[in-house]
N, C-alpha and C. Protein backbone atom coordinates (compact mmCIF):
# COMPACT_ATOMS: atom_id res chain seq x y z
N MET A 1 19.76 -101.90 148.80
CA MET A 1 18.31 -101.84 148.69
C MET A 1 17.93 -100.79 147.64
N VAL A 2 16.96 -101.11 146.81
CA VAL A 2 16.52 -100.19 145.78
C VAL A 2 15.64 -99.12 146.40
N SER A 3 15.95 -97.85 146.12
CA SER A 3 15.16 -96.78 146.67
C SER A 3 13.79 -96.73 146.01
N GLN A 4 12.80 -96.19 146.73
CA GLN A 4 11.46 -96.08 146.18
C GLN A 4 11.23 -94.63 145.79
N ARG A 5 11.44 -94.35 144.51
CA ARG A 5 11.23 -93.00 144.01
C ARG A 5 10.86 -93.05 142.54
N GLU A 6 10.23 -91.97 142.10
CA GLU A 6 9.86 -91.90 140.69
C GLU A 6 11.04 -91.42 139.88
N VAL A 7 11.24 -92.02 138.72
CA VAL A 7 12.32 -91.66 137.81
C VAL A 7 11.75 -90.77 136.72
N PRO A 8 12.28 -89.55 136.55
CA PRO A 8 11.74 -88.67 135.51
C PRO A 8 11.88 -89.31 134.15
N GLY A 9 10.91 -89.06 133.31
CA GLY A 9 10.95 -89.57 131.94
C GLY A 9 10.04 -88.74 131.07
N ARG A 10 10.23 -88.86 129.76
CA ARG A 10 9.37 -88.15 128.84
C ARG A 10 8.06 -88.90 128.65
N ARG A 11 7.11 -88.21 128.07
CA ARG A 11 5.78 -88.78 127.89
C ARG A 11 5.81 -89.95 126.92
N ALA A 12 4.96 -90.94 127.15
CA ALA A 12 4.92 -92.11 126.28
C ALA A 12 4.52 -91.73 124.87
N ARG A 13 5.12 -92.40 123.91
CA ARG A 13 4.71 -92.23 122.52
C ARG A 13 3.55 -93.17 122.26
N ALA A 14 2.48 -92.64 121.71
CA ALA A 14 1.28 -93.45 121.49
C ALA A 14 0.96 -93.54 120.02
N ARG A 15 0.65 -94.75 119.55
CA ARG A 15 0.07 -94.92 118.22
C ARG A 15 -1.38 -95.28 118.47
N VAL A 16 -2.30 -94.49 117.96
CA VAL A 16 -3.70 -94.68 118.31
C VAL A 16 -4.56 -94.69 117.07
N GLY A 17 -5.76 -95.26 117.24
CA GLY A 17 -6.71 -95.26 116.15
C GLY A 17 -7.18 -93.85 115.83
N ARG A 18 -7.28 -93.00 116.83
CA ARG A 18 -7.56 -91.59 116.64
C ARG A 18 -6.53 -90.84 117.44
N ALA A 19 -5.84 -89.88 116.83
CA ALA A 19 -4.68 -89.26 117.46
C ALA A 19 -5.04 -88.59 118.76
N ALA A 20 -4.15 -88.75 119.75
CA ALA A 20 -4.30 -88.06 121.02
C ALA A 20 -3.86 -86.62 120.84
N SER A 21 -4.56 -85.70 121.48
CA SER A 21 -4.18 -84.29 121.40
C SER A 21 -4.14 -83.72 122.79
N PRO A 22 -3.22 -82.76 123.05
CA PRO A 22 -3.11 -82.20 124.38
C PRO A 22 -4.40 -81.49 124.77
N GLY A 23 -4.78 -81.62 126.03
CA GLY A 23 -5.94 -80.91 126.55
C GLY A 23 -5.59 -79.47 126.83
N ASP A 24 -6.58 -78.72 127.27
CA ASP A 24 -6.37 -77.30 127.54
C ASP A 24 -5.34 -77.07 128.63
N ASP A 25 -5.16 -78.05 129.52
CA ASP A 25 -4.22 -77.88 130.61
C ASP A 25 -2.82 -78.36 130.23
N GLY A 26 -2.61 -78.75 128.96
CA GLY A 26 -1.30 -79.17 128.50
C GLY A 26 -1.03 -80.65 128.69
N ARG A 27 -1.95 -81.37 129.35
CA ARG A 27 -1.76 -82.80 129.55
C ARG A 27 -2.40 -83.56 128.41
N GLU A 28 -1.95 -84.80 128.21
CA GLU A 28 -2.54 -85.61 127.15
C GLU A 28 -3.99 -85.91 127.48
N SER A 29 -4.85 -85.81 126.46
CA SER A 29 -6.24 -86.15 126.65
C SER A 29 -6.41 -87.66 126.62
N PRO A 30 -7.46 -88.18 127.28
CA PRO A 30 -7.71 -89.61 127.20
C PRO A 30 -7.90 -90.03 125.76
N VAL A 31 -7.43 -91.23 125.44
CA VAL A 31 -7.49 -91.74 124.08
C VAL A 31 -8.60 -92.77 123.99
N ASN A 32 -9.41 -92.68 122.97
CA ASN A 32 -10.47 -93.65 122.77
C ASN A 32 -10.66 -93.86 121.28
N THR A 33 -10.72 -95.11 120.84
CA THR A 33 -10.86 -95.39 119.42
C THR A 33 -12.32 -95.51 119.01
N PHE A 34 -13.21 -95.71 119.96
CA PHE A 34 -14.63 -95.83 119.65
C PHE A 34 -15.42 -94.99 120.65
N ASN A 35 -16.51 -94.37 120.15
CA ASN A 35 -17.32 -93.54 121.04
C ASN A 35 -17.89 -94.34 122.20
N LYS A 36 -18.09 -95.64 122.00
CA LYS A 36 -18.68 -96.45 123.06
C LYS A 36 -17.70 -96.72 124.19
N GLY A 37 -16.45 -96.35 124.04
CA GLY A 37 -15.48 -96.56 125.10
C GLY A 37 -14.70 -97.84 124.93
N ILE A 38 -13.70 -97.99 125.77
CA ILE A 38 -12.84 -99.17 125.75
C ILE A 38 -13.58 -100.33 126.43
N GLU A 39 -13.49 -101.52 125.82
CA GLU A 39 -14.18 -102.67 126.40
C GLU A 39 -13.21 -103.77 126.83
N LYS A 40 -12.44 -104.29 125.88
CA LYS A 40 -11.51 -105.38 126.18
C LYS A 40 -10.15 -105.05 125.60
N VAL A 41 -9.11 -105.11 126.43
CA VAL A 41 -7.77 -104.69 126.04
C VAL A 41 -6.79 -105.84 126.26
N GLU A 42 -5.80 -105.92 125.38
CA GLU A 42 -4.71 -106.87 125.53
C GLU A 42 -3.39 -106.11 125.66
N VAL A 43 -2.63 -106.43 126.69
CA VAL A 43 -1.31 -105.85 126.90
C VAL A 43 -0.28 -106.94 126.66
N THR A 44 0.65 -106.69 125.74
CA THR A 44 1.69 -107.68 125.45
C THR A 44 3.06 -107.07 125.76
N LEU A 45 3.96 -107.93 126.22
CA LEU A 45 5.31 -107.50 126.59
C LEU A 45 6.31 -108.49 126.03
N GLN A 46 7.39 -107.95 125.47
CA GLN A 46 8.46 -108.83 124.99
C GLN A 46 9.82 -108.21 125.31
N TRP A 47 10.82 -109.07 125.45
CA TRP A 47 12.19 -108.63 125.71
C TRP A 47 13.14 -109.76 125.36
N ASP A 48 14.43 -109.41 125.23
CA ASP A 48 15.43 -110.41 124.89
C ASP A 48 15.93 -111.11 126.14
N PRO A 49 16.26 -112.41 126.03
CA PRO A 49 16.89 -113.11 127.16
C PRO A 49 18.23 -112.48 127.50
N SER A 50 18.69 -112.72 128.71
CA SER A 50 20.00 -112.21 129.13
C SER A 50 21.11 -112.99 128.42
N PRO A 51 22.30 -112.41 128.30
CA PRO A 51 23.42 -113.13 127.69
C PRO A 51 23.73 -114.42 128.44
N LEU A 52 24.27 -115.41 127.74
CA LEU A 52 24.59 -116.69 128.31
C LEU A 52 25.49 -116.54 129.54
N GLY A 53 25.13 -117.19 130.62
CA GLY A 53 25.93 -117.17 131.83
C GLY A 53 25.63 -116.02 132.78
N THR A 54 24.63 -115.18 132.43
CA THR A 54 24.24 -114.08 133.30
C THR A 54 22.83 -114.32 133.84
N PRO A 55 22.45 -113.66 134.95
CA PRO A 55 21.11 -113.86 135.51
C PRO A 55 20.01 -113.55 134.49
N ASP A 56 18.91 -114.29 134.57
CA ASP A 56 17.81 -114.11 133.64
C ASP A 56 17.20 -112.72 133.74
N ASN A 57 16.70 -112.21 132.62
CA ASN A 57 15.88 -111.02 132.61
C ASN A 57 14.43 -111.44 132.86
N ASP A 58 13.87 -111.00 133.97
CA ASP A 58 12.51 -111.40 134.36
C ASP A 58 11.68 -110.15 134.56
N LEU A 59 10.79 -109.88 133.60
CA LEU A 59 9.89 -108.74 133.66
C LEU A 59 8.47 -109.22 133.87
N ASP A 60 7.67 -108.41 134.56
CA ASP A 60 6.29 -108.79 134.84
C ASP A 60 5.34 -107.65 134.53
N ILE A 61 4.23 -107.99 133.86
CA ILE A 61 3.12 -107.05 133.73
C ILE A 61 2.35 -107.05 135.04
N VAL A 62 2.00 -105.87 135.51
CA VAL A 62 1.24 -105.73 136.75
C VAL A 62 0.05 -104.81 136.49
N ALA A 63 -1.14 -105.22 136.95
CA ALA A 63 -2.33 -104.37 136.86
C ALA A 63 -2.85 -104.11 138.27
N ALA A 64 -3.16 -102.85 138.56
CA ALA A 64 -3.71 -102.46 139.86
C ALA A 64 -5.08 -101.84 139.64
N THR A 65 -6.05 -102.28 140.41
CA THR A 65 -7.43 -101.82 140.26
C THR A 65 -7.83 -100.99 141.48
N TYR A 66 -8.52 -99.87 141.22
CA TYR A 66 -8.85 -98.92 142.28
C TYR A 66 -10.35 -98.67 142.32
N THR A 67 -10.86 -98.43 143.51
CA THR A 67 -12.29 -98.22 143.71
C THR A 67 -12.65 -96.75 143.56
N ALA A 68 -13.94 -96.48 143.40
CA ALA A 68 -14.42 -95.12 143.21
C ALA A 68 -14.12 -94.23 144.42
N ASP A 69 -14.12 -94.81 145.62
CA ASP A 69 -13.90 -93.99 146.82
C ASP A 69 -12.42 -93.81 147.15
N ALA A 70 -11.53 -94.49 146.44
CA ALA A 70 -10.08 -94.32 146.67
C ALA A 70 -9.33 -94.52 145.36
N PRO A 71 -9.58 -93.67 144.34
CA PRO A 71 -8.97 -93.89 143.02
C PRO A 71 -7.47 -93.70 142.99
N HIS A 72 -6.91 -93.01 143.99
CA HIS A 72 -5.47 -92.80 144.05
C HIS A 72 -4.88 -93.33 145.36
N GLY A 73 -5.62 -94.20 146.02
CA GLY A 73 -5.14 -94.78 147.27
C GLY A 73 -4.48 -96.12 147.05
N ASP A 74 -4.68 -97.03 147.98
CA ASP A 74 -4.14 -98.38 147.83
C ASP A 74 -5.01 -99.15 146.85
N PRO A 75 -4.40 -100.00 146.01
CA PRO A 75 -5.21 -100.78 145.07
C PRO A 75 -6.12 -101.76 145.78
N ALA A 76 -7.30 -101.95 145.21
CA ALA A 76 -8.22 -102.94 145.76
C ALA A 76 -7.66 -104.34 145.59
N TYR A 77 -6.99 -104.56 144.45
CA TYR A 77 -6.27 -105.82 144.23
C TYR A 77 -5.28 -105.63 143.10
N LEU A 78 -4.32 -106.54 143.05
CA LEU A 78 -3.30 -106.56 142.00
C LEU A 78 -3.43 -107.85 141.20
N VAL A 79 -3.05 -107.76 139.93
CA VAL A 79 -2.94 -108.95 139.09
C VAL A 79 -1.54 -108.97 138.51
N HIS A 80 -0.81 -110.07 138.76
CA HIS A 80 0.55 -110.22 138.23
C HIS A 80 0.85 -111.70 138.07
N PHE A 81 2.12 -112.09 138.14
CA PHE A 81 2.51 -113.43 137.72
C PHE A 81 1.91 -114.57 138.55
N ASP A 82 1.50 -114.31 139.78
CA ASP A 82 0.97 -115.42 140.58
C ASP A 82 -0.43 -115.11 141.12
N SER A 83 -1.20 -114.29 140.40
CA SER A 83 -2.55 -113.97 140.86
C SER A 83 -3.44 -113.64 139.68
N ARG A 84 -4.73 -113.47 139.95
CA ARG A 84 -5.70 -113.04 138.95
C ARG A 84 -6.77 -112.24 139.68
N SER A 85 -7.59 -111.53 138.92
CA SER A 85 -8.65 -110.75 139.56
C SER A 85 -9.70 -111.69 140.13
N PRO A 86 -10.33 -111.32 141.24
CA PRO A 86 -11.31 -112.20 141.87
C PRO A 86 -12.46 -112.60 140.94
N ASP A 87 -12.85 -111.70 140.03
CA ASP A 87 -13.97 -111.98 139.15
C ASP A 87 -13.55 -112.49 137.77
N GLY A 88 -12.25 -112.66 137.56
CA GLY A 88 -11.76 -113.20 136.30
C GLY A 88 -11.75 -112.22 135.15
N THR A 89 -11.90 -110.93 135.43
CA THR A 89 -11.94 -109.94 134.35
C THR A 89 -10.54 -109.51 133.90
N ILE A 90 -9.54 -109.69 134.75
CA ILE A 90 -8.15 -109.36 134.39
C ILE A 90 -7.32 -110.63 134.56
N THR A 91 -6.70 -111.08 133.48
CA THR A 91 -6.02 -112.37 133.49
C THR A 91 -4.65 -112.26 132.83
N LEU A 92 -3.65 -112.84 133.47
CA LEU A 92 -2.34 -112.97 132.85
C LEU A 92 -2.33 -114.29 132.09
N ASN A 93 -2.40 -114.18 130.76
CA ASN A 93 -2.54 -115.37 129.92
C ASN A 93 -1.22 -116.06 129.64
N ARG A 94 -0.14 -115.31 129.70
CA ARG A 94 1.19 -115.89 129.44
C ARG A 94 2.20 -115.21 130.33
N ASP A 95 3.07 -116.00 130.94
CA ASP A 95 4.07 -115.48 131.86
C ASP A 95 5.43 -116.07 131.51
N SER A 96 6.45 -115.22 131.45
CA SER A 96 7.81 -115.68 131.16
C SER A 96 8.75 -115.17 132.24
N ARG A 97 9.73 -115.97 132.58
CA ARG A 97 10.74 -115.55 133.55
C ARG A 97 12.11 -115.36 132.90
N THR A 98 12.16 -115.51 131.57
CA THR A 98 13.46 -115.43 130.88
C THR A 98 13.44 -114.57 129.62
N GLY A 99 12.28 -114.37 129.01
CA GLY A 99 12.21 -113.68 127.73
C GLY A 99 12.53 -114.58 126.55
N GLN A 100 12.66 -115.87 126.77
CA GLN A 100 12.99 -116.79 125.68
C GLN A 100 11.74 -117.15 124.89
N GLY A 101 11.93 -117.40 123.61
CA GLY A 101 10.82 -117.79 122.75
C GLY A 101 10.52 -116.72 121.72
N PHE A 102 9.50 -116.97 120.91
CA PHE A 102 9.13 -116.07 119.83
C PHE A 102 7.85 -115.31 120.19
N GLY A 103 7.71 -114.12 119.64
CA GLY A 103 6.51 -113.33 119.88
C GLY A 103 6.49 -112.73 121.27
N SER A 104 5.31 -112.54 121.80
CA SER A 104 5.14 -111.90 123.10
C SER A 104 5.52 -112.86 124.23
N ASP A 105 6.27 -112.34 125.20
CA ASP A 105 6.68 -113.17 126.34
C ASP A 105 5.63 -113.17 127.44
N GLU A 106 4.91 -112.07 127.59
CA GLU A 106 3.82 -111.99 128.56
C GLU A 106 2.62 -111.34 127.89
N ILE A 107 1.43 -111.82 128.24
CA ILE A 107 0.18 -111.28 127.71
C ILE A 107 -0.82 -111.16 128.84
N MET A 108 -1.43 -109.99 128.97
CA MET A 108 -2.49 -109.78 129.96
C MET A 108 -3.73 -109.28 129.24
N THR A 109 -4.88 -109.84 129.60
CA THR A 109 -6.16 -109.42 129.05
C THR A 109 -6.98 -108.71 130.13
N LEU A 110 -7.53 -107.55 129.79
CA LEU A 110 -8.36 -106.78 130.71
C LEU A 110 -9.74 -106.61 130.08
N GLU A 111 -10.74 -107.26 130.65
CA GLU A 111 -12.13 -107.12 130.19
C GLU A 111 -12.78 -106.02 131.02
N LEU A 112 -12.49 -104.78 130.65
CA LEU A 112 -12.94 -103.63 131.44
C LEU A 112 -14.45 -103.52 131.48
N ASP A 113 -15.12 -103.88 130.39
CA ASP A 113 -16.57 -103.76 130.35
C ASP A 113 -17.27 -104.71 131.31
N ARG A 114 -16.55 -105.69 131.84
CA ARG A 114 -17.13 -106.63 132.80
C ARG A 114 -16.80 -106.28 134.25
N LEU A 115 -15.96 -105.26 134.45
CA LEU A 115 -15.61 -104.86 135.81
C LEU A 115 -16.81 -104.28 136.53
N SER A 116 -16.93 -104.59 137.81
CA SER A 116 -17.99 -104.04 138.64
C SER A 116 -17.91 -102.52 138.67
N ASP A 117 -19.06 -101.86 138.85
CA ASP A 117 -19.10 -100.40 138.95
C ASP A 117 -18.30 -99.89 140.14
N THR A 118 -17.96 -100.78 141.06
CA THR A 118 -17.14 -100.41 142.21
C THR A 118 -15.79 -99.87 141.78
N TYR A 119 -15.29 -100.36 140.66
CA TYR A 119 -13.94 -100.01 140.20
C TYR A 119 -14.01 -98.95 139.11
N THR A 120 -13.20 -97.90 139.27
CA THR A 120 -13.25 -96.78 138.33
C THR A 120 -11.88 -96.45 137.74
N ARG A 121 -10.84 -97.15 138.14
CA ARG A 121 -9.50 -96.84 137.63
C ARG A 121 -8.64 -98.09 137.63
N VAL A 122 -7.90 -98.32 136.55
CA VAL A 122 -6.96 -99.44 136.45
C VAL A 122 -5.65 -98.90 135.90
N ILE A 123 -4.56 -99.19 136.58
CA ILE A 123 -3.23 -98.81 136.14
C ILE A 123 -2.47 -100.08 135.76
N VAL A 124 -1.80 -100.06 134.61
CA VAL A 124 -0.99 -101.19 134.16
C VAL A 124 0.47 -100.75 134.10
N GLY A 125 1.34 -101.59 134.60
CA GLY A 125 2.77 -101.28 134.58
C GLY A 125 3.61 -102.52 134.33
N VAL A 126 4.91 -102.30 134.27
CA VAL A 126 5.88 -103.38 134.07
C VAL A 126 6.97 -103.23 135.12
N ALA A 127 7.30 -104.32 135.81
CA ALA A 127 8.34 -104.30 136.84
C ALA A 127 9.40 -105.34 136.51
N ILE A 128 10.65 -104.99 136.79
CA ILE A 128 11.77 -105.91 136.59
C ILE A 128 12.08 -106.57 137.92
N GLN A 129 12.10 -107.90 137.95
CA GLN A 129 12.47 -108.60 139.17
C GLN A 129 13.94 -108.31 139.50
N GLN A 130 14.23 -108.10 140.78
CA GLN A 130 15.56 -107.66 141.20
C GLN A 130 16.27 -108.70 142.07
N GLY A 131 15.96 -109.97 141.86
CA GLY A 131 16.47 -111.01 142.75
C GLY A 131 17.98 -111.22 142.69
N GLU A 132 18.61 -110.97 141.55
CA GLU A 132 20.04 -111.25 141.40
C GLU A 132 20.81 -110.01 140.95
N GLY A 133 20.61 -108.93 141.66
CA GLY A 133 21.29 -107.69 141.31
C GLY A 133 20.37 -106.73 140.59
N ARG A 134 20.61 -105.45 140.77
CA ARG A 134 19.74 -104.43 140.23
C ARG A 134 19.84 -104.35 138.71
N LYS A 135 18.67 -104.34 138.07
CA LYS A 135 18.58 -104.15 136.62
C LYS A 135 17.60 -103.04 136.32
N VAL A 136 17.90 -102.26 135.28
CA VAL A 136 17.01 -101.21 134.81
C VAL A 136 16.64 -101.52 133.36
N PHE A 137 15.67 -100.80 132.84
CA PHE A 137 15.22 -101.08 131.47
C PHE A 137 16.35 -100.93 130.45
N GLY A 138 17.28 -100.01 130.72
CA GLY A 138 18.39 -99.82 129.81
C GLY A 138 19.34 -101.00 129.74
N ASP A 139 19.25 -101.92 130.71
CA ASP A 139 20.10 -103.12 130.71
C ASP A 139 19.53 -104.24 129.86
N ILE A 140 18.29 -104.12 129.44
CA ILE A 140 17.58 -105.22 128.78
C ILE A 140 17.29 -104.83 127.34
N GLN A 141 17.67 -105.69 126.43
CA GLN A 141 17.57 -105.39 125.01
C GLN A 141 16.17 -105.68 124.45
N ASN A 142 15.76 -104.82 123.50
CA ASN A 142 14.55 -105.04 122.70
C ASN A 142 13.29 -105.23 123.55
N THR A 143 13.16 -104.39 124.56
CA THR A 143 11.96 -104.43 125.38
C THR A 143 10.85 -103.62 124.70
N LEU A 144 9.66 -104.18 124.63
CA LEU A 144 8.55 -103.49 123.97
C LEU A 144 7.23 -103.91 124.60
N VAL A 145 6.40 -102.92 124.93
CA VAL A 145 5.06 -103.19 125.43
C VAL A 145 4.06 -102.59 124.45
N ARG A 146 3.00 -103.35 124.17
CA ARG A 146 1.93 -102.89 123.28
C ARG A 146 0.59 -103.01 124.00
N ILE A 147 -0.28 -102.04 123.76
CA ILE A 147 -1.62 -102.06 124.31
C ILE A 147 -2.58 -101.99 123.13
N ARG A 148 -3.47 -102.97 123.04
CA ARG A 148 -4.36 -103.08 121.88
C ARG A 148 -5.79 -103.32 122.33
N GLU A 149 -6.73 -102.78 121.55
CA GLU A 149 -8.13 -103.17 121.66
C GLU A 149 -8.53 -103.75 120.31
N GLY A 150 -8.78 -105.04 120.29
CA GLY A 150 -9.07 -105.69 119.02
C GLY A 150 -7.87 -105.59 118.10
N TYR A 151 -8.08 -105.02 116.91
CA TYR A 151 -7.00 -104.86 115.94
C TYR A 151 -6.41 -103.45 115.97
N THR A 152 -6.81 -102.66 116.95
CA THR A 152 -6.34 -101.28 117.04
C THR A 152 -5.24 -101.15 118.08
N ASP A 153 -4.09 -100.62 117.66
CA ASP A 153 -3.01 -100.34 118.61
C ASP A 153 -3.32 -99.03 119.33
N LEU A 154 -3.47 -99.09 120.64
CA LEU A 154 -3.67 -97.88 121.43
C LEU A 154 -2.36 -97.20 121.74
N ALA A 155 -1.32 -97.98 122.04
CA ALA A 155 -0.01 -97.41 122.37
C ALA A 155 1.04 -98.50 122.34
N GLU A 156 2.29 -98.08 122.16
CA GLU A 156 3.42 -98.99 122.33
C GLU A 156 4.59 -98.18 122.86
N ASN A 157 5.49 -98.83 123.59
CA ASN A 157 6.63 -98.13 124.15
C ASN A 157 7.79 -99.08 124.34
N ASP A 158 9.02 -98.55 124.11
CA ASP A 158 10.22 -99.37 124.25
C ASP A 158 11.01 -99.05 125.51
N PHE A 159 10.47 -98.19 126.39
CA PHE A 159 11.06 -97.85 127.69
C PHE A 159 12.36 -97.05 127.59
N ASN A 160 12.72 -96.59 126.39
CA ASN A 160 13.94 -95.80 126.27
C ASN A 160 13.87 -94.50 127.06
N ASP A 161 12.66 -93.96 127.21
CA ASP A 161 12.51 -92.70 127.93
C ASP A 161 12.63 -92.87 129.45
N VAL A 162 12.59 -94.12 129.93
CA VAL A 162 12.76 -94.39 131.37
C VAL A 162 13.84 -95.46 131.54
N ALA A 163 14.92 -95.34 130.78
CA ALA A 163 15.95 -96.38 130.74
C ALA A 163 16.59 -96.62 132.10
N GLY A 164 16.60 -95.63 132.99
CA GLY A 164 17.21 -95.80 134.30
C GLY A 164 16.27 -96.30 135.37
N ALA A 165 15.05 -96.66 134.99
CA ALA A 165 14.04 -97.12 135.95
C ALA A 165 14.03 -98.64 136.07
N THR A 166 13.58 -99.12 137.22
CA THR A 166 13.43 -100.56 137.45
C THR A 166 11.98 -101.01 137.28
N ALA A 167 11.06 -100.05 137.15
CA ALA A 167 9.65 -100.33 136.94
C ALA A 167 9.02 -99.10 136.30
N ALA A 168 7.89 -99.30 135.62
CA ALA A 168 7.23 -98.17 134.97
C ALA A 168 5.76 -98.47 134.75
N THR A 169 4.92 -97.45 134.95
CA THR A 169 3.54 -97.57 134.51
C THR A 169 3.50 -97.31 133.01
N VAL A 170 2.52 -97.92 132.33
CA VAL A 170 2.43 -97.77 130.88
C VAL A 170 1.03 -97.37 130.41
N ALA A 171 0.01 -97.56 131.23
CA ALA A 171 -1.35 -97.27 130.79
C ALA A 171 -2.24 -96.96 131.98
N GLU A 172 -3.19 -96.07 131.74
CA GLU A 172 -4.21 -95.74 132.74
C GLU A 172 -5.58 -95.84 132.08
N PHE A 173 -6.47 -96.59 132.71
CA PHE A 173 -7.85 -96.70 132.25
C PHE A 173 -8.75 -96.13 133.33
N THR A 174 -9.64 -95.21 132.94
CA THR A 174 -10.55 -94.61 133.91
C THR A 174 -11.97 -94.66 133.38
N ARG A 175 -12.92 -94.79 134.30
CA ARG A 175 -14.33 -94.81 133.94
C ARG A 175 -14.87 -93.38 133.97
N ASP A 176 -15.49 -92.95 132.87
CA ASP A 176 -15.97 -91.57 132.82
C ASP A 176 -17.37 -91.45 133.43
N GLY A 177 -17.95 -90.27 133.33
CA GLY A 177 -19.24 -90.02 133.96
C GLY A 177 -20.38 -90.81 133.37
N THR A 178 -20.21 -91.33 132.15
CA THR A 178 -21.25 -92.15 131.52
C THR A 178 -21.06 -93.64 131.80
N GLY A 179 -19.97 -93.97 132.52
CA GLY A 179 -19.70 -95.36 132.82
C GLY A 179 -18.79 -96.03 131.80
N GLN A 180 -18.37 -95.29 130.75
CA GLN A 180 -17.49 -95.85 129.73
C GLN A 180 -16.03 -95.74 130.17
N TRP A 181 -15.22 -96.70 129.71
CA TRP A 181 -13.80 -96.70 130.04
C TRP A 181 -13.00 -95.93 128.98
N ARG A 182 -12.06 -95.12 129.45
CA ARG A 182 -11.19 -94.34 128.58
C ARG A 182 -9.74 -94.69 128.87
N PHE A 183 -8.89 -94.53 127.86
CA PHE A 183 -7.48 -94.91 127.96
C PHE A 183 -6.59 -93.68 127.87
N ARG A 184 -5.51 -93.69 128.66
CA ARG A 184 -4.50 -92.64 128.58
C ARG A 184 -3.12 -93.28 128.69
N PRO A 185 -2.19 -93.00 127.75
CA PRO A 185 -0.80 -93.47 127.94
C PRO A 185 -0.26 -92.87 129.22
N ALA A 186 0.48 -93.66 129.99
CA ALA A 186 0.90 -93.20 131.32
C ALA A 186 2.30 -93.70 131.65
N LEU A 187 3.29 -93.33 130.83
CA LEU A 187 4.66 -93.77 131.09
C LEU A 187 5.27 -92.98 132.24
N ARG A 188 5.53 -93.65 133.36
CA ARG A 188 6.21 -93.06 134.51
C ARG A 188 7.18 -94.10 135.05
N GLY A 189 8.44 -93.72 135.17
CA GLY A 189 9.45 -94.63 135.67
C GLY A 189 9.63 -94.53 137.17
N PHE A 190 9.96 -95.66 137.82
CA PHE A 190 10.17 -95.73 139.26
C PHE A 190 11.47 -96.47 139.56
N ASP A 191 12.10 -96.09 140.65
CA ASP A 191 13.30 -96.78 141.12
C ASP A 191 12.93 -97.51 142.40
N THR A 192 12.41 -98.71 142.24
CA THR A 192 11.92 -99.49 143.36
C THR A 192 11.81 -100.95 142.96
N ASP A 193 11.62 -101.83 143.93
CA ASP A 193 11.41 -103.24 143.62
C ASP A 193 9.93 -103.47 143.29
N PRO A 194 9.57 -104.67 142.81
CA PRO A 194 8.17 -104.90 142.43
C PRO A 194 7.17 -104.66 143.55
N ASP A 195 7.51 -105.02 144.78
CA ASP A 195 6.58 -104.80 145.90
C ASP A 195 6.36 -103.31 146.13
N GLY A 196 7.45 -102.54 146.11
CA GLY A 196 7.31 -101.10 146.28
C GLY A 196 6.55 -100.46 145.14
N PHE A 197 6.78 -100.96 143.93
CA PHE A 197 6.09 -100.44 142.75
C PHE A 197 4.59 -100.63 142.88
N ALA A 198 4.17 -101.78 143.35
CA ALA A 198 2.75 -102.07 143.48
C ALA A 198 2.03 -101.07 144.38
N SER A 199 2.73 -100.58 145.39
CA SER A 199 2.12 -99.63 146.31
C SER A 199 2.17 -98.19 145.81
N LEU A 200 3.04 -97.92 144.80
CA LEU A 200 3.23 -96.55 144.32
C LEU A 200 2.61 -96.27 142.97
N MET A 201 2.34 -97.28 142.17
CA MET A 201 2.03 -97.08 140.77
C MET A 201 0.75 -96.28 140.52
N GLY A 202 -0.16 -96.29 141.44
CA GLY A 202 -1.41 -95.55 141.22
C GLY A 202 -1.49 -94.20 141.87
N ARG A 203 -0.43 -93.79 142.55
CA ARG A 203 -0.47 -92.52 143.30
C ARG A 203 -0.07 -91.34 142.43
């Protein structure tokens, strides 16, 4: 059984429209490319198929949405390979179970500007399915996640800093005091299965 624990890793490398700079407390400041805040984001994920004759590499983008009264509690709902947000604001547009094909293997769209005021935090992560033996990011070749708003790259990561993890968060979106959405790179590795990851990713 895969243990449920966080895997230490270095901070995500971000390519942004305006450079992120550390805050006074030493943590990364929220990243925003426009003063009006983040509105609609696309998260893309790609990876190489497994070698011939070995179990498929199956990675999933997962988004967890949190309410204002429990921003670090249990998610109000999850969006992943077999679900969507109740209001249609977060959608998995493409899903792959093998990594085969050209371009992005999975694509998720988050229309943050359409989210109800009830929701103030969204965490996006990637989990590796563990159905046929334990796999970590270091076992899978050419894995890359990109987060974009329009034509602006907010961040990208190849998971090398969490190579021993089976799942990882990659982005955090929070609503500020003016109601605008802000983005922060949030690379954190976990040693758990997808179900365990879903319950831990926002804590």
